[in-house]
Amino acid sequence: MKVTYQYQFYPDTNQKISLNQWLRICRYWYNRQLGDRFDWWEMNRTAINACPLKTSIAAPREKPNYYHQKQQLPILKKDLVKVFHSGELLDFKQVDSTVLQDVSKRIDKAFERFIVGDGKGTKSGRPRFKTEADYRTMTFSTAGNDWIKLIRKNWVYIRLPKLGIVKVRMHRPIPSGFVVKQVSVTRKADGWFIQLILEDISVPQFTPDQVIPNLLNRDSINPG
């Protein structure tokens, strides 16, 4: 069983600067991957035998996926990345690798729901490029209870990779038996908040039975 607890935390001035810079890098990485996927989609969504004669045939290219795009991160970390329209220089080495990989997971999930659909075949709308107001959350996909240290009642220190220790007001304690699986950080109008994704492995996951239609249940017939 998984639950999410949210708390407000209070970064110092340098940590706020770092967090805002991280969000900028993650937003750029998200939009860059989305643009790459749209380029592929525009070039390959029409079959060769169905495209207009005046349309040039694009060079064959594999569909970008999570693993393909994630492999670009080591290259981007070697040097500063220049943003084309603004001239900004972004240092990908500042951001924890699990945070950048989670960005790739988010874009993969959004794009696959757009062109393929979910498990039931229901498709979502076209993914949008993110603005500063849209992209406000970062996720550390691997975490543990050792990240948390109690200092006094209702106050704890949480250690975030490449950021350091942040002070968190814990208005409700973590339930006994739960372990921290993921940590997300969100910037809101009234401050910074941290979400702890907790899991209790002793509680079994609920998996609803799949009902197979037959003569007895498809027309709501009660055999009794």
N, C-alpha and C. Protein backbone atom coordinates (compact mmCIF):
# COMPACT_ATOMS: atom_id res chain seq x y z
N MET A 1 0.84 -1.19 0.00
CA MET A 1 0.00 0.00 0.00
C MET A 1 0.88 1.24 0.00
N LYS A 2 0.54 2.21 -0.86
CA LYS A 2 1.30 3.44 -0.95
C LYS A 2 0.43 4.64 -0.57
N VAL A 3 1.02 5.57 0.15
CA VAL A 3 0.36 6.82 0.51
C VAL A 3 1.36 7.96 0.28
N THR A 4 0.83 9.17 0.17
CA THR A 4 1.68 10.34 -0.02
C THR A 4 1.40 11.35 1.08
N TYR A 5 2.45 11.76 1.76
CA TYR A 5 2.35 12.80 2.79
C TYR A 5 3.08 14.04 2.29
N GLN A 6 2.45 15.21 2.47
CA GLN A 6 3.06 16.46 2.03
C GLN A 6 3.39 17.34 3.22
N TYR A 7 4.58 17.94 3.19
CA TYR A 7 5.02 18.83 4.25
C TYR A 7 5.65 20.07 3.63
N GLN A 8 5.63 21.16 4.37
CA GLN A 8 6.33 22.36 3.92
C GLN A 8 7.76 22.32 4.43
N PHE A 9 8.69 22.74 3.59
CA PHE A 9 10.07 22.81 4.04
C PHE A 9 10.63 24.20 3.74
N TYR A 10 11.75 24.50 4.36
CA TYR A 10 12.26 25.86 4.37
C TYR A 10 13.72 25.89 3.92
N PRO A 11 13.96 25.95 2.61
CA PRO A 11 15.33 26.02 2.11
C PRO A 11 15.94 27.40 2.39
N ASP A 12 17.27 27.43 2.52
CA ASP A 12 17.93 28.71 2.68
C ASP A 12 18.06 29.40 1.32
N THR A 13 18.68 30.56 1.30
CA THR A 13 18.74 31.35 0.07
C THR A 13 19.47 30.62 -1.04
N ASN A 14 20.62 30.03 -0.73
CA ASN A 14 21.38 29.31 -1.75
C ASN A 14 20.62 28.09 -2.27
N GLN A 15 19.91 27.41 -1.38
CA GLN A 15 19.13 26.25 -1.80
C GLN A 15 17.96 26.66 -2.69
N LYS A 16 17.35 27.80 -2.41
CA LYS A 16 16.27 28.29 -3.28
C LYS A 16 16.79 28.59 -4.68
N ILE A 17 17.97 29.19 -4.75
CA ILE A 17 18.57 29.47 -6.06
C ILE A 17 18.82 28.17 -6.81
N SER A 18 19.35 27.17 -6.10
CA SER A 18 19.62 25.87 -6.73
C SER A 18 18.34 25.20 -7.19
N LEU A 19 17.31 25.22 -6.35
CA LEU A 19 16.05 24.57 -6.71
C LEU A 19 15.41 25.22 -7.93
N ASN A 20 15.44 26.54 -7.98
CA ASN A 20 14.88 27.24 -9.15
C ASN A 20 15.68 26.93 -10.41
N GLN A 21 17.01 26.81 -10.27
CA GLN A 21 17.82 26.46 -11.41
C GLN A 21 17.55 25.02 -11.85
N TRP A 22 17.34 24.13 -10.90
CA TRP A 22 16.99 22.74 -11.22
C TRP A 22 15.69 22.68 -12.01
N LEU A 23 14.70 23.43 -11.56
CA LEU A 23 13.42 23.44 -12.28
C LEU A 23 13.61 23.96 -13.70
N ARG A 24 14.46 24.96 -13.87
CA ARG A 24 14.73 25.49 -15.21
C ARG A 24 15.36 24.42 -16.10
N ILE A 25 16.33 23.69 -15.56
CA ILE A 25 17.00 22.64 -16.33
C ILE A 25 16.02 21.52 -16.66
N CYS A 26 15.21 21.11 -15.69
CA CYS A 26 14.24 20.03 -15.93
C CYS A 26 13.20 20.46 -16.97
N ARG A 27 12.79 21.71 -16.92
CA ARG A 27 11.81 22.19 -17.90
C ARG A 27 12.40 22.20 -19.30
N TYR A 28 13.65 22.64 -19.40
CA TYR A 28 14.32 22.62 -20.71
C TYR A 28 14.46 21.19 -21.22
N TRP A 29 14.85 20.27 -20.33
CA TRP A 29 15.02 18.87 -20.71
C TRP A 29 13.69 18.27 -21.14
N TYR A 30 12.61 18.60 -20.46
CA TYR A 30 11.27 18.12 -20.83
C TYR A 30 10.89 18.62 -22.22
N ASN A 31 11.02 19.92 -22.44
CA ASN A 31 10.62 20.50 -23.74
C ASN A 31 11.51 20.01 -24.87
N ARG A 32 12.77 19.79 -24.59
CA ARG A 32 13.69 19.30 -25.63
C ARG A 32 13.29 17.89 -26.07
N GLN A 33 12.98 17.04 -25.11
CA GLN A 33 12.56 15.68 -25.45
C GLN A 33 11.22 15.68 -26.19
N LEU A 34 10.30 16.53 -25.74
CA LEU A 34 8.99 16.59 -26.39
C LEU A 34 9.13 17.08 -27.83
N GLY A 35 9.98 18.07 -28.05
CA GLY A 35 10.21 18.55 -29.41
C GLY A 35 10.80 17.47 -30.30
N ASP A 36 11.72 16.69 -29.75
CA ASP A 36 12.32 15.59 -30.52
C ASP A 36 11.26 14.56 -30.90
N ARG A 37 10.35 14.28 -29.99
CA ARG A 37 9.30 13.29 -30.28
C ARG A 37 8.31 13.82 -31.31
N PHE A 38 7.97 15.09 -31.22
CA PHE A 38 7.07 15.67 -32.22
C PHE A 38 7.72 15.68 -33.60
N ASP A 39 9.03 15.93 -33.66
CA ASP A 39 9.73 15.89 -34.95
C ASP A 39 9.61 14.50 -35.57
N TRP A 40 9.82 13.48 -34.75
CA TRP A 40 9.69 12.10 -35.25
C TRP A 40 8.26 11.82 -35.68
N TRP A 41 7.30 12.26 -34.87
CA TRP A 41 5.89 11.97 -35.15
C TRP A 41 5.43 12.64 -36.44
N GLU A 42 5.82 13.89 -36.67
CA GLU A 42 5.43 14.60 -37.88
C GLU A 42 6.02 13.93 -39.13
N MET A 43 7.21 13.35 -39.01
CA MET A 43 7.87 12.74 -40.15
C MET A 43 7.40 11.31 -40.42
N ASN A 44 6.84 10.66 -39.42
CA ASN A 44 6.56 9.23 -39.56
C ASN A 44 5.11 8.84 -39.32
N ARG A 45 4.22 9.81 -39.08
CA ARG A 45 2.84 9.42 -38.77
C ARG A 45 2.06 8.99 -40.01
N THR A 46 2.54 9.34 -41.22
CA THR A 46 1.88 8.93 -42.46
C THR A 46 2.69 7.83 -43.13
N ALA A 47 2.02 6.74 -43.47
CA ALA A 47 2.72 5.63 -44.13
C ALA A 47 3.23 6.06 -45.50
N ILE A 48 4.32 5.44 -45.96
CA ILE A 48 4.93 5.80 -47.24
C ILE A 48 3.95 5.61 -48.38
N ASN A 49 3.15 4.55 -48.33
CA ASN A 49 2.22 4.26 -49.42
C ASN A 49 0.96 5.12 -49.37
N ALA A 50 0.87 6.02 -48.38
CA ALA A 50 -0.33 6.84 -48.25
C ALA A 50 -0.02 8.33 -48.26
N CYS A 51 1.25 8.72 -48.34
CA CYS A 51 1.60 10.13 -48.29
C CYS A 51 1.43 10.78 -49.66
N PRO A 52 1.18 12.09 -49.73
CA PRO A 52 1.05 12.77 -51.02
C PRO A 52 2.34 12.68 -51.84
N LEU A 53 2.19 12.71 -53.16
CA LEU A 53 3.36 12.59 -54.02
C LEU A 53 4.30 13.79 -53.88
N LYS A 54 3.77 14.95 -53.50
CA LYS A 54 4.59 16.14 -53.37
C LYS A 54 5.35 16.18 -52.05
N THR A 55 5.06 15.26 -51.16
CA THR A 55 5.70 15.26 -49.85
C THR A 55 7.00 14.47 -49.92
N SER A 56 8.07 15.08 -49.41
CA SER A 56 9.35 14.37 -49.38
C SER A 56 9.33 13.31 -48.30
N ILE A 57 9.98 12.20 -48.56
CA ILE A 57 10.03 11.10 -47.61
C ILE A 57 11.15 11.35 -46.62
N ALA A 58 10.82 11.29 -45.34
CA ALA A 58 11.82 11.54 -44.30
C ALA A 58 12.80 10.38 -44.23
N ALA A 59 14.00 10.70 -43.77
CA ALA A 59 15.00 9.66 -43.58
C ALA A 59 14.53 8.70 -42.49
N PRO A 60 14.75 7.40 -42.68
CA PRO A 60 14.32 6.43 -41.66
C PRO A 60 14.94 6.74 -40.30
N ARG A 61 14.12 6.66 -39.28
CA ARG A 61 14.58 6.97 -37.93
C ARG A 61 13.78 6.18 -36.93
N GLU A 62 14.47 5.63 -35.95
CA GLU A 62 13.78 4.88 -34.91
C GLU A 62 12.98 5.83 -34.03
N LYS A 63 11.90 5.30 -33.50
CA LYS A 63 11.05 6.08 -32.62
C LYS A 63 11.77 6.40 -31.31
N PRO A 64 11.85 7.67 -30.90
CA PRO A 64 12.48 8.00 -29.62
C PRO A 64 11.70 7.38 -28.47
N ASN A 65 12.40 6.80 -27.53
CA ASN A 65 11.76 6.24 -26.35
C ASN A 65 12.52 6.66 -25.10
N TYR A 66 12.07 6.16 -23.97
CA TYR A 66 12.66 6.56 -22.69
C TYR A 66 14.14 6.23 -22.64
N TYR A 67 14.51 5.03 -23.05
CA TYR A 67 15.91 4.60 -22.96
C TYR A 67 16.78 5.36 -23.95
N HIS A 68 16.26 5.61 -25.14
CA HIS A 68 17.03 6.34 -26.14
C HIS A 68 17.32 7.77 -25.68
N GLN A 69 16.32 8.43 -25.15
CA GLN A 69 16.52 9.82 -24.73
C GLN A 69 17.32 9.92 -23.44
N LYS A 70 17.17 8.94 -22.56
CA LYS A 70 17.94 8.96 -21.31
C LYS A 70 19.44 8.84 -21.58
N GLN A 71 19.80 8.16 -22.66
CA GLN A 71 21.21 7.99 -23.00
C GLN A 71 21.88 9.29 -23.42
N GLN A 72 21.10 10.33 -23.67
CA GLN A 72 21.68 11.63 -24.03
C GLN A 72 22.23 12.38 -22.82
N LEU A 73 21.82 11.98 -21.61
CA LEU A 73 22.20 12.72 -20.41
C LEU A 73 23.71 12.76 -20.18
N PRO A 74 24.44 11.64 -20.29
CA PRO A 74 25.90 11.73 -20.09
C PRO A 74 26.57 12.71 -21.04
N ILE A 75 26.05 12.83 -22.27
CA ILE A 75 26.63 13.77 -23.23
C ILE A 75 26.32 15.21 -22.82
N LEU A 76 25.08 15.45 -22.37
CA LEU A 76 24.69 16.80 -21.97
C LEU A 76 25.44 17.26 -20.73
N LYS A 77 25.88 16.32 -19.89
CA LYS A 77 26.58 16.68 -18.66
C LYS A 77 28.05 17.02 -18.90
N LYS A 78 28.56 16.75 -20.08
CA LYS A 78 29.98 17.00 -20.34
C LYS A 78 30.30 18.48 -20.44
N ASP A 79 29.34 19.28 -20.85
CA ASP A 79 29.58 20.71 -21.04
C ASP A 79 28.28 21.47 -20.80
N LEU A 80 28.39 22.79 -20.73
CA LEU A 80 27.21 23.61 -20.58
C LEU A 80 26.35 23.53 -21.83
N VAL A 81 25.04 23.51 -21.62
CA VAL A 81 24.08 23.44 -22.73
C VAL A 81 23.49 24.83 -22.96
N LYS A 82 23.58 25.31 -24.18
CA LYS A 82 23.08 26.65 -24.51
C LYS A 82 21.65 26.56 -25.01
N VAL A 83 20.77 27.35 -24.40
CA VAL A 83 19.38 27.43 -24.84
C VAL A 83 19.32 28.32 -26.07
N PHE A 84 18.72 27.81 -27.13
CA PHE A 84 18.78 28.50 -28.43
C PHE A 84 18.13 29.87 -28.39
N HIS A 85 16.92 29.98 -27.86
CA HIS A 85 16.16 31.23 -27.98
C HIS A 85 16.57 32.29 -26.97
N SER A 86 17.19 31.88 -25.84
CA SER A 86 17.53 32.85 -24.80
C SER A 86 19.03 33.01 -24.58
N GLY A 87 19.81 32.05 -25.04
CA GLY A 87 21.25 32.12 -24.83
C GLY A 87 21.69 31.68 -23.45
N GLU A 88 20.77 31.17 -22.62
CA GLU A 88 21.14 30.69 -21.30
C GLU A 88 22.10 29.51 -21.40
N LEU A 89 22.95 29.38 -20.39
CA LEU A 89 23.85 28.24 -20.28
C LEU A 89 23.41 27.40 -19.09
N LEU A 90 23.04 26.17 -19.34
CA LEU A 90 22.52 25.27 -18.31
C LEU A 90 23.54 24.18 -18.02
N ASP A 91 23.75 23.93 -16.73
CA ASP A 91 24.70 22.90 -16.30
C ASP A 91 23.91 21.69 -15.79
N PHE A 92 23.83 20.65 -16.59
CA PHE A 92 23.07 19.47 -16.21
C PHE A 92 23.71 18.72 -15.04
N LYS A 93 24.98 18.95 -14.78
CA LYS A 93 25.65 18.26 -13.68
C LYS A 93 25.12 18.71 -12.33
N GLN A 94 24.46 19.87 -12.28
CA GLN A 94 23.92 20.36 -11.02
C GLN A 94 22.79 19.48 -10.49
N VAL A 95 22.06 18.85 -11.39
CA VAL A 95 20.83 18.14 -11.03
C VAL A 95 21.13 16.66 -10.81
N ASP A 96 20.49 16.09 -9.79
CA ASP A 96 20.64 14.66 -9.52
C ASP A 96 20.16 13.83 -10.71
N SER A 97 20.87 12.76 -11.00
CA SER A 97 20.56 11.96 -12.19
C SER A 97 19.17 11.34 -12.13
N THR A 98 18.71 10.94 -10.93
CA THR A 98 17.38 10.33 -10.84
C THR A 98 16.28 11.33 -11.15
N VAL A 99 16.53 12.61 -10.86
CA VAL A 99 15.55 13.65 -11.18
C VAL A 99 15.43 13.82 -12.69
N LEU A 100 16.57 13.84 -13.38
CA LEU A 100 16.56 13.98 -14.84
C LEU A 100 15.94 12.76 -15.51
N GLN A 101 16.21 11.58 -14.96
CA GLN A 101 15.62 10.36 -15.52
C GLN A 101 14.11 10.35 -15.32
N ASP A 102 13.64 10.90 -14.21
CA ASP A 102 12.20 10.97 -13.98
C ASP A 102 11.54 11.90 -15.00
N VAL A 103 12.23 12.95 -15.42
CA VAL A 103 11.69 13.82 -16.47
C VAL A 103 11.47 13.03 -17.75
N SER A 104 12.43 12.16 -18.08
CA SER A 104 12.28 11.31 -19.27
C SER A 104 11.10 10.37 -19.13
N LYS A 105 10.87 9.86 -17.92
CA LYS A 105 9.72 8.98 -17.71
C LYS A 105 8.41 9.74 -17.90
N ARG A 106 8.37 10.97 -17.41
CA ARG A 106 7.15 11.77 -17.54
C ARG A 106 6.82 12.04 -19.01
N ILE A 107 7.83 12.39 -19.79
CA ILE A 107 7.57 12.69 -21.20
C ILE A 107 7.21 11.43 -21.95
N ASP A 108 7.81 10.31 -21.58
CA ASP A 108 7.49 9.04 -22.25
C ASP A 108 6.04 8.65 -21.99
N LYS A 109 5.61 8.81 -20.75
CA LYS A 109 4.23 8.46 -20.39
C LYS A 109 3.23 9.38 -21.09
N ALA A 110 3.52 10.69 -21.11
CA ALA A 110 2.60 11.64 -21.74
C ALA A 110 2.49 11.41 -23.24
N PHE A 111 3.63 11.14 -23.90
CA PHE A 111 3.61 10.98 -25.35
C PHE A 111 2.97 9.66 -25.76
N GLU A 112 3.24 8.60 -25.00
CA GLU A 112 2.65 7.31 -25.34
C GLU A 112 1.13 7.34 -25.18
N ARG A 113 0.63 8.06 -24.19
CA ARG A 113 -0.82 8.18 -24.04
C ARG A 113 -1.43 8.99 -25.18
N PHE A 114 -0.63 9.85 -25.79
CA PHE A 114 -1.11 10.65 -26.90
C PHE A 114 -1.22 9.83 -28.19
N ILE A 115 -0.23 9.01 -28.50
CA ILE A 115 -0.24 8.29 -29.78
C ILE A 115 -0.73 6.85 -29.66
N VAL A 116 -0.63 6.26 -28.48
CA VAL A 116 -1.04 4.86 -28.30
C VAL A 116 -2.28 4.74 -27.43
N GLY A 117 -2.28 5.47 -26.30
CA GLY A 117 -3.39 5.37 -25.36
C GLY A 117 -2.98 4.60 -24.12
N ASP A 118 -3.86 4.57 -23.14
CA ASP A 118 -3.58 3.83 -21.92
C ASP A 118 -3.92 2.37 -22.10
N GLY A 119 -4.00 1.64 -20.99
CA GLY A 119 -4.28 0.21 -21.07
C GLY A 119 -5.63 -0.11 -21.68
N LYS A 120 -6.57 0.83 -21.61
CA LYS A 120 -7.90 0.63 -22.19
C LYS A 120 -8.01 1.20 -23.60
N GLY A 121 -6.91 1.75 -24.10
CA GLY A 121 -6.94 2.31 -25.45
C GLY A 121 -7.40 3.75 -25.52
N THR A 122 -7.67 4.37 -24.36
CA THR A 122 -8.13 5.76 -24.35
C THR A 122 -6.94 6.69 -24.51
N LYS A 123 -6.99 7.56 -25.51
CA LYS A 123 -5.88 8.46 -25.78
C LYS A 123 -6.08 9.80 -25.07
N SER A 124 -4.95 10.40 -24.69
CA SER A 124 -4.97 11.73 -24.08
C SER A 124 -4.73 12.79 -25.15
N GLY A 125 -4.86 14.05 -24.75
CA GLY A 125 -4.63 15.13 -25.69
C GLY A 125 -3.15 15.31 -26.00
N ARG A 126 -2.88 16.16 -26.95
CA ARG A 126 -1.51 16.43 -27.38
C ARG A 126 -0.72 17.06 -26.23
N PRO A 127 0.43 16.48 -25.86
CA PRO A 127 1.23 17.06 -24.77
C PRO A 127 1.67 18.48 -25.12
N ARG A 128 1.74 19.32 -24.10
CA ARG A 128 2.11 20.72 -24.31
C ARG A 128 3.52 20.98 -23.78
N PHE A 129 4.17 21.93 -24.42
CA PHE A 129 5.45 22.39 -23.91
C PHE A 129 5.20 23.16 -22.61
N LYS A 130 6.11 23.00 -21.66
CA LYS A 130 5.92 23.55 -20.33
C LYS A 130 6.51 24.95 -20.20
N THR A 131 5.75 25.82 -19.56
CA THR A 131 6.24 27.13 -19.19
C THR A 131 6.73 27.09 -17.74
N GLU A 132 7.26 28.20 -17.27
CA GLU A 132 7.74 28.25 -15.89
C GLU A 132 6.61 28.00 -14.91
N ALA A 133 5.41 28.48 -15.23
CA ALA A 133 4.26 28.28 -14.34
C ALA A 133 3.77 26.84 -14.36
N ASP A 134 4.02 26.12 -15.45
CA ASP A 134 3.52 24.75 -15.58
C ASP A 134 4.43 23.73 -14.89
N TYR A 135 5.73 23.94 -14.99
CA TYR A 135 6.67 22.93 -14.49
C TYR A 135 7.16 23.36 -13.11
N ARG A 136 6.65 22.71 -12.06
CA ARG A 136 6.95 23.14 -10.69
C ARG A 136 7.38 22.00 -9.78
N THR A 137 7.46 20.77 -10.30
CA THR A 137 7.73 19.61 -9.44
C THR A 137 8.89 18.80 -9.98
N MET A 138 9.75 18.35 -9.06
CA MET A 138 10.85 17.44 -9.38
C MET A 138 10.75 16.23 -8.47
N THR A 139 11.13 15.06 -8.98
CA THR A 139 11.00 13.82 -8.22
C THR A 139 12.32 13.08 -8.14
N PHE A 140 12.71 12.74 -6.91
CA PHE A 140 13.84 11.83 -6.67
C PHE A 140 13.25 10.42 -6.65
N SER A 141 13.51 9.66 -7.68
CA SER A 141 12.82 8.38 -7.85
C SER A 141 13.31 7.30 -6.91
N THR A 142 14.45 7.48 -6.27
CA THR A 142 14.93 6.52 -5.28
C THR A 142 15.21 7.26 -3.98
N ALA A 143 14.63 6.78 -2.90
CA ALA A 143 14.82 7.43 -1.60
C ALA A 143 14.75 6.36 -0.51
N GLY A 144 14.96 6.77 0.72
CA GLY A 144 14.92 5.81 1.82
C GLY A 144 14.74 6.53 3.15
N ASN A 145 14.45 5.76 4.19
CA ASN A 145 14.25 6.35 5.51
C ASN A 145 15.52 6.99 6.05
N ASP A 146 16.69 6.59 5.53
CA ASP A 146 17.93 7.18 6.00
C ASP A 146 18.10 8.62 5.54
N TRP A 147 17.23 9.10 4.68
CA TRP A 147 17.27 10.51 4.26
C TRP A 147 16.72 11.43 5.35
N ILE A 148 16.00 10.88 6.33
CA ILE A 148 15.27 11.67 7.32
C ILE A 148 15.94 11.55 8.68
N LYS A 149 16.09 12.68 9.36
CA LYS A 149 16.67 12.70 10.70
C LYS A 149 15.85 13.64 11.57
N LEU A 150 15.30 13.10 12.67
CA LEU A 150 14.49 13.89 13.59
C LEU A 150 15.39 14.77 14.45
N ILE A 151 15.10 16.07 14.52
CA ILE A 151 15.90 16.97 15.34
C ILE A 151 15.14 17.39 16.60
N ARG A 152 13.86 17.64 16.50
CA ARG A 152 13.02 17.89 17.66
C ARG A 152 11.57 17.70 17.24
N LYS A 153 10.67 17.78 18.16
CA LYS A 153 9.27 17.49 17.88
C LYS A 153 8.77 18.32 16.71
N ASN A 154 8.18 17.62 15.73
CA ASN A 154 7.56 18.23 14.54
C ASN A 154 8.57 18.85 13.57
N TRP A 155 9.85 18.67 13.80
CA TRP A 155 10.86 19.20 12.88
C TRP A 155 11.87 18.11 12.56
N VAL A 156 12.18 17.98 11.27
CA VAL A 156 13.15 16.98 10.84
C VAL A 156 14.07 17.60 9.79
N TYR A 157 15.20 16.95 9.61
CA TYR A 157 16.10 17.26 8.50
C TYR A 157 15.94 16.18 7.45
N ILE A 158 15.84 16.58 6.20
CA ILE A 158 15.80 15.63 5.09
C ILE A 158 16.97 15.95 4.16
N ARG A 159 17.74 14.94 3.86
CA ARG A 159 18.91 15.10 3.00
C ARG A 159 18.52 14.82 1.55
N LEU A 160 18.67 15.82 0.70
CA LEU A 160 18.37 15.68 -0.72
C LEU A 160 19.68 15.68 -1.51
N PRO A 161 19.88 14.70 -2.39
CA PRO A 161 21.13 14.61 -3.15
C PRO A 161 21.44 15.89 -3.92
N LYS A 162 22.69 16.33 -3.83
CA LYS A 162 23.23 17.51 -4.53
C LYS A 162 22.61 18.83 -4.05
N LEU A 163 21.74 18.77 -3.06
CA LEU A 163 21.17 19.99 -2.50
C LEU A 163 21.59 20.17 -1.05
N GLY A 164 21.68 19.06 -0.33
CA GLY A 164 22.05 19.12 1.07
C GLY A 164 20.86 18.86 1.99
N ILE A 165 20.98 19.33 3.21
CA ILE A 165 19.97 19.09 4.23
C ILE A 165 18.98 20.26 4.26
N VAL A 166 17.69 19.92 4.23
CA VAL A 166 16.64 20.94 4.31
C VAL A 166 15.82 20.70 5.57
N LYS A 167 15.31 21.78 6.12
CA LYS A 167 14.52 21.71 7.35
C LYS A 167 13.05 21.59 7.00
N VAL A 168 12.39 20.59 7.57
CA VAL A 168 11.00 20.28 7.22
C VAL A 168 10.14 20.31 8.48
N ARG A 169 9.00 20.97 8.38
CA ARG A 169 8.03 20.95 9.47
C ARG A 169 7.11 19.75 9.25
N MET A 170 7.27 18.72 10.08
CA MET A 170 6.50 17.49 9.93
C MET A 170 5.30 17.54 10.88
N HIS A 171 4.17 18.03 10.37
CA HIS A 171 3.00 18.23 11.21
C HIS A 171 2.29 16.92 11.55
N ARG A 172 2.63 15.84 10.83
CA ARG A 172 2.12 14.52 11.20
C ARG A 172 3.23 13.50 10.96
N PRO A 173 3.38 12.56 11.88
CA PRO A 173 4.49 11.61 11.78
C PRO A 173 4.26 10.58 10.69
N ILE A 174 5.36 9.97 10.26
CA ILE A 174 5.27 8.88 9.30
C ILE A 174 4.73 7.65 10.02
N PRO A 175 3.69 7.00 9.50
CA PRO A 175 3.12 5.83 10.18
C PRO A 175 4.15 4.71 10.35
N SER A 176 3.98 3.97 11.41
CA SER A 176 4.87 2.85 11.68
C SER A 176 4.73 1.78 10.59
N GLY A 177 5.86 1.25 10.16
CA GLY A 177 5.86 0.21 9.14
C GLY A 177 6.01 0.71 7.73
N PHE A 178 5.89 2.02 7.51
CA PHE A 178 6.03 2.59 6.17
C PHE A 178 7.48 2.99 5.91
N VAL A 179 7.89 2.83 4.67
CA VAL A 179 9.23 3.24 4.26
C VAL A 179 9.11 4.27 3.14
N VAL A 180 10.08 5.16 3.06
CA VAL A 180 10.09 6.20 2.03
C VAL A 180 10.59 5.60 0.72
N LYS A 181 9.80 5.71 -0.34
CA LYS A 181 10.17 5.17 -1.64
C LYS A 181 10.59 6.26 -2.62
N GLN A 182 9.90 7.40 -2.59
CA GLN A 182 10.22 8.51 -3.49
C GLN A 182 10.03 9.82 -2.74
N VAL A 183 10.70 10.84 -3.23
CA VAL A 183 10.57 12.19 -2.68
C VAL A 183 10.37 13.16 -3.83
N SER A 184 9.34 14.00 -3.73
CA SER A 184 9.09 15.03 -4.74
C SER A 184 9.14 16.40 -4.08
N VAL A 185 9.62 17.38 -4.83
CA VAL A 185 9.73 18.76 -4.36
C VAL A 185 8.91 19.64 -5.28
N THR A 186 8.04 20.49 -4.70
CA THR A 186 7.15 21.34 -5.49
C THR A 186 7.26 22.79 -5.04
N ARG A 187 7.33 23.69 -6.00
CA ARG A 187 7.30 25.12 -5.71
C ARG A 187 5.88 25.63 -5.88
N LYS A 188 5.33 26.22 -4.82
CA LYS A 188 3.99 26.78 -4.87
C LYS A 188 4.06 28.27 -4.54
N ALA A 189 2.91 28.93 -4.64
CA ALA A 189 2.87 30.37 -4.41
C ALA A 189 3.23 30.71 -2.97
N ASP A 190 2.91 29.82 -2.02
CA ASP A 190 3.15 30.10 -0.61
C ASP A 190 4.37 29.38 -0.06
N GLY A 191 5.26 28.91 -0.92
CA GLY A 191 6.48 28.30 -0.42
C GLY A 191 6.83 27.00 -1.12
N TRP A 192 7.78 26.29 -0.53
CA TRP A 192 8.25 25.02 -1.07
C TRP A 192 7.68 23.87 -0.25
N PHE A 193 7.28 22.81 -0.95
CA PHE A 193 6.67 21.67 -0.29
C PHE A 193 7.35 20.39 -0.76
N ILE A 194 7.38 19.42 0.14
CA ILE A 194 8.00 18.14 -0.16
C ILE A 194 6.96 17.05 0.02
N GLN A 195 6.89 16.13 -0.93
CA GLN A 195 5.95 15.01 -0.86
C GLN A 195 6.75 13.72 -0.66
N LEU A 196 6.39 12.98 0.36
CA LEU A 196 7.02 11.69 0.64
C LEU A 196 6.07 10.59 0.18
N ILE A 197 6.51 9.78 -0.75
CA ILE A 197 5.72 8.63 -1.19
C ILE A 197 6.13 7.46 -0.31
N LEU A 198 5.20 6.98 0.51
CA LEU A 198 5.46 5.95 1.51
C LEU A 198 4.82 4.64 1.09
N GLU A 199 5.43 3.54 1.49
CA GLU A 199 4.91 2.22 1.14
C GLU A 199 5.00 1.30 2.35
N ASP A 200 3.94 0.55 2.57
CA ASP A 200 3.92 -0.51 3.59
C ASP A 200 3.79 -1.84 2.86
N ILE A 201 4.90 -2.57 2.79
CA ILE A 201 4.91 -3.81 2.01
C ILE A 201 4.13 -4.92 2.70
N SER A 202 3.77 -4.73 3.99
CA SER A 202 3.01 -5.77 4.68
C SER A 202 1.55 -5.78 4.26
N VAL A 203 1.07 -4.68 3.65
CA VAL A 203 -0.32 -4.61 3.18
C VAL A 203 -0.34 -5.03 1.72
N PRO A 204 -1.05 -6.08 1.37
CA PRO A 204 -1.06 -6.55 -0.03
C PRO A 204 -1.75 -5.56 -0.94
N GLN A 205 -1.28 -5.50 -2.18
CA GLN A 205 -1.90 -4.64 -3.18
C GLN A 205 -3.23 -5.23 -3.62
N PHE A 206 -4.23 -4.36 -3.77
CA PHE A 206 -5.54 -4.81 -4.22
C PHE A 206 -5.55 -4.90 -5.74
N THR A 207 -5.85 -6.07 -6.25
CA THR A 207 -5.95 -6.27 -7.69
C THR A 207 -7.36 -6.77 -8.00
N PRO A 208 -8.21 -5.94 -8.58
CA PRO A 208 -9.58 -6.37 -8.87
C PRO A 208 -9.61 -7.50 -9.88
N ASP A 209 -10.53 -8.43 -9.66
CA ASP A 209 -10.68 -9.56 -10.57
C ASP A 209 -11.22 -9.08 -11.91
N GLN A 210 -10.69 -9.64 -12.97
CA GLN A 210 -11.17 -9.30 -14.30
C GLN A 210 -12.39 -10.17 -14.63
N VAL A 211 -13.50 -9.52 -14.90
CA VAL A 211 -14.74 -10.22 -15.19
C VAL A 211 -14.81 -10.51 -16.69
N ILE A 212 -14.91 -11.77 -17.04
CA ILE A 212 -15.02 -12.18 -18.43
C ILE A 212 -16.50 -12.30 -18.79
N PRO A 213 -16.98 -11.55 -19.77
CA PRO A 213 -18.40 -11.62 -20.13
C PRO A 213 -18.80 -13.03 -20.58
N ASN A 214 -19.96 -13.46 -20.11
CA ASN A 214 -20.52 -14.74 -20.55
C ASN A 214 -22.04 -14.62 -20.55
N LEU A 215 -22.71 -15.73 -20.82
CA LEU A 215 -24.18 -15.70 -20.90
C LEU A 215 -24.83 -15.35 -19.58
N LEU A 216 -24.14 -15.59 -18.47
CA LEU A 216 -24.75 -15.38 -17.17
C LEU A 216 -24.62 -13.95 -16.67
N ASN A 217 -23.59 -13.23 -17.11
CA ASN A 217 -23.38 -11.90 -16.54
C ASN A 217 -23.47 -10.75 -17.54
N ARG A 218 -23.50 -11.03 -18.82
CA ARG A 218 -23.45 -9.93 -19.78
C ARG A 218 -24.76 -9.15 -19.85
N ASP A 219 -25.89 -9.79 -19.55
CA ASP A 219 -27.18 -9.11 -19.62
C ASP A 219 -27.80 -8.92 -18.24
N SER A 220 -26.94 -8.94 -17.20
CA SER A 220 -27.41 -8.78 -15.82
C SER A 220 -28.46 -9.81 -15.46
N ILE A 221 -28.28 -11.05 -15.92
CA ILE A 221 -29.23 -12.12 -15.62
C ILE A 221 -28.86 -12.74 -14.28
N ASN A 222 -29.84 -12.85 -13.42
CA ASN A 222 -29.64 -13.50 -12.13
C ASN A 222 -30.12 -14.94 -12.25
N PRO A 223 -29.19 -15.91 -12.28
CA PRO A 223 -29.63 -17.30 -12.46
C PRO A 223 -30.42 -17.84 -11.29
N GLY A 224 -30.38 -17.16 -10.12
CA GLY A 224 -31.14 -17.64 -8.98
C GLY A 224 -32.57 -17.21 -9.06
